[in-house]
Amino acid sequence: DNMTSAHMLNWMESVRTRKAPHAPIEVGYNHSIANIMVTASLRTGGKAEFCEKTQNVLVDGKIFKY
């Protein structure tokens, strides 16, 4: 879709020119964590949580692995 293409173009242009992208890296990192938590919950049926200390996604207290 157009939004994804624009996002990827902005990211690649940022890498190429060393200019800041439209959104900070932390936004992408946090978005990725949310996506992994959703995937973990859907695959296991359990409650997914993020441990900030270890930076692991946990399901029912165990580290989620694909």
C-alpha atoms as a PDB file:
ATOM      1  CA  ASP A   1       0.000   0.000   0.000  1.00  0.00           C
ATOM      2  CA  ASN A   2       1.045   3.639  -0.406  1.00  0.00           C
ATOM      3  CA  MET A   3       1.648   4.296   3.308  1.00  0.00           C
ATOM      4  CA  THR A   4       3.998   1.329   3.655  1.00  0.00           C
ATOM      5  CA  SER A   5       5.879   2.347   0.521  1.00  0.00           C
ATOM      6  CA  ALA A   6       6.225   5.926   1.782  1.00  0.00           C
ATOM      7  CA  HIS A   7       7.450   4.677   5.158  1.00  0.00           C
ATOM      8  CA  MET A   8      10.074   2.408   3.598  1.00  0.00           C
ATOM      9  CA  LEU A   9      11.179   5.150   1.200  1.00  0.00           C
ATOM     10  CA  ASN A  10      11.620   7.549   4.123  1.00  0.00           C
ATOM     11  CA  TRP A  11      13.614   4.956   6.074  1.00  0.00           C
ATOM     12  CA  MET A  12      15.916   4.122   3.167  1.00  0.00           C
ATOM     13  CA  GLU A  13      16.431   7.807   2.394  1.00  0.00           C
ATOM     14  CA  SER A  14      17.356   8.366   6.049  1.00  0.00           C
ATOM     15  CA  VAL A  15      19.939   5.583   5.885  1.00  0.00           C
ATOM     16  CA  ARG A  16      21.331   6.950   2.631  1.00  0.00           C
ATOM     17  CA  THR A  17      21.524  10.622   3.678  1.00  0.00           C
ATOM     18  CA  ARG A  18      22.027  10.156   7.445  1.00  0.00           C
ATOM     19  CA  LYS A  19      19.114  12.501   8.086  1.00  0.00           C
ATOM     20  CA  ALA A  20      16.586  11.697  10.798  1.00  0.00           C
ATOM     21  CA  PRO A  21      13.547   9.686   9.676  1.00  0.00           C
ATOM     22  CA  HIS A  22      10.037  11.063  10.196  1.00  0.00           C
ATOM     23  CA  ALA A  23       9.635   9.024  13.392  1.00  0.00           C
ATOM     24  CA  PRO A  24      12.268   8.187  16.026  1.00  0.00           C
ATOM     25  CA  ILE A  25      13.747   4.684  16.118  1.00  0.00           C
ATOM     26  CA  GLU A  26      12.057   4.082  19.491  1.00  0.00           C
ATOM     27  CA  VAL A  27       8.653   4.320  17.829  1.00  0.00           C
ATOM     28  CA  GLY A  28       9.556   1.476  15.475  1.00  0.00           C
ATOM     29  CA  TYR A  29      10.984  -0.562  18.351  1.00  0.00           C
ATOM     30  CA  ASN A  30       7.842  -0.139  20.448  1.00  0.00           C
ATOM     31  CA  HIS A  31       5.660  -0.992  17.466  1.00  0.00           C
ATOM     32  CA  SER A  32       7.659  -4.184  16.911  1.00  0.00           C
ATOM     33  CA  ILE A  33       7.219  -5.200  20.546  1.00  0.00           C
ATOM     34  CA  ALA A  34       3.454  -4.750  20.231  1.00  0.00           C
ATOM     35  CA  ASN A  35       3.398  -6.888  17.063  1.00  0.00           C
ATOM     36  CA  ILE A  36       5.413  -9.666  18.738  1.00  0.00           C
ATOM     37  CA  MET A  37       3.073  -9.592  21.750  1.00  0.00           C
ATOM     38  CA  VAL A  38       0.032  -9.971  19.497  1.00  0.00           C
ATOM     39  CA  THR A  39       1.677 -12.853  17.635  1.00  0.00           C
ATOM     40  CA  ALA A  40       2.636 -14.540  20.912  1.00  0.00           C
ATOM     41  CA  SER A  41      -0.880 -14.266  22.269  1.00  0.00           C
ATOM     42  CA  LEU A  42      -2.499 -15.524  19.065  1.00  0.00           C
ATOM     43  CA  ARG A  43      -0.157 -18.504  18.742  1.00  0.00           C
ATOM     44  CA  THR A  44      -0.337 -19.618  22.359  1.00  0.00           C
ATOM     45  CA  GLY A  45      -3.725 -18.404  23.525  1.00  0.00           C
ATOM     46  CA  GLY A  46      -2.007 -16.997  26.620  1.00  0.00           C
ATOM     47  CA  LYS A  47      -1.549 -13.493  27.977  1.00  0.00           C
ATOM     48  CA  ALA A  48       1.531 -11.775  26.552  1.00  0.00           C
ATOM     49  CA  GLU A  49       3.563  -9.309  28.611  1.00  0.00           C
ATOM     50  CA  PHE A  50       6.753  -7.368  27.967  1.00  0.00           C
ATOM     51  CA  CYS A  51       9.527  -7.492  30.556  1.00  0.00           C
ATOM     52  CA  GLU A  52      11.395  -4.196  30.319  1.00  0.00           C
ATOM     53  CA  LYS A  53      14.257  -5.499  32.460  1.00  0.00           C
ATOM     54  CA  THR A  54      15.122  -8.408  30.138  1.00  0.00           C
ATOM     55  CA  GLN A  55      13.384  -7.007  27.043  1.00  0.00           C
ATOM     56  CA  ASN A  56      11.627 -10.321  26.457  1.00  0.00           C
ATOM     57  CA  VAL A  57       8.037 -11.022  25.526  1.00  0.00           C
ATOM     58  CA  LEU A  58       6.594 -13.421  28.071  1.00  0.00           C
ATOM     59  CA  VAL A  59       3.554 -15.661  27.762  1.00  0.00           C
ATOM     60  CA  ASP A  60       2.308 -17.112  31.019  1.00  0.00           C
ATOM     61  CA  GLY A  61       5.668 -16.226  32.594  1.00  0.00           C
ATOM     62  CA  LYS A  62       7.791 -17.979  29.940  1.00  0.00           C
ATOM     63  CA  ILE A  63       9.872 -16.361  27.188  1.00  0.00           C
ATOM     64  CA  PHE A  64       7.983 -16.519  23.897  1.00  0.00           C
ATOM     65  CA  LYS A  65       9.856 -18.261  21.087  1.00  0.00           C
ATOM     66  CA  TYR A  66       8.522 -18.660  17.562  1.00  0.00           C
END
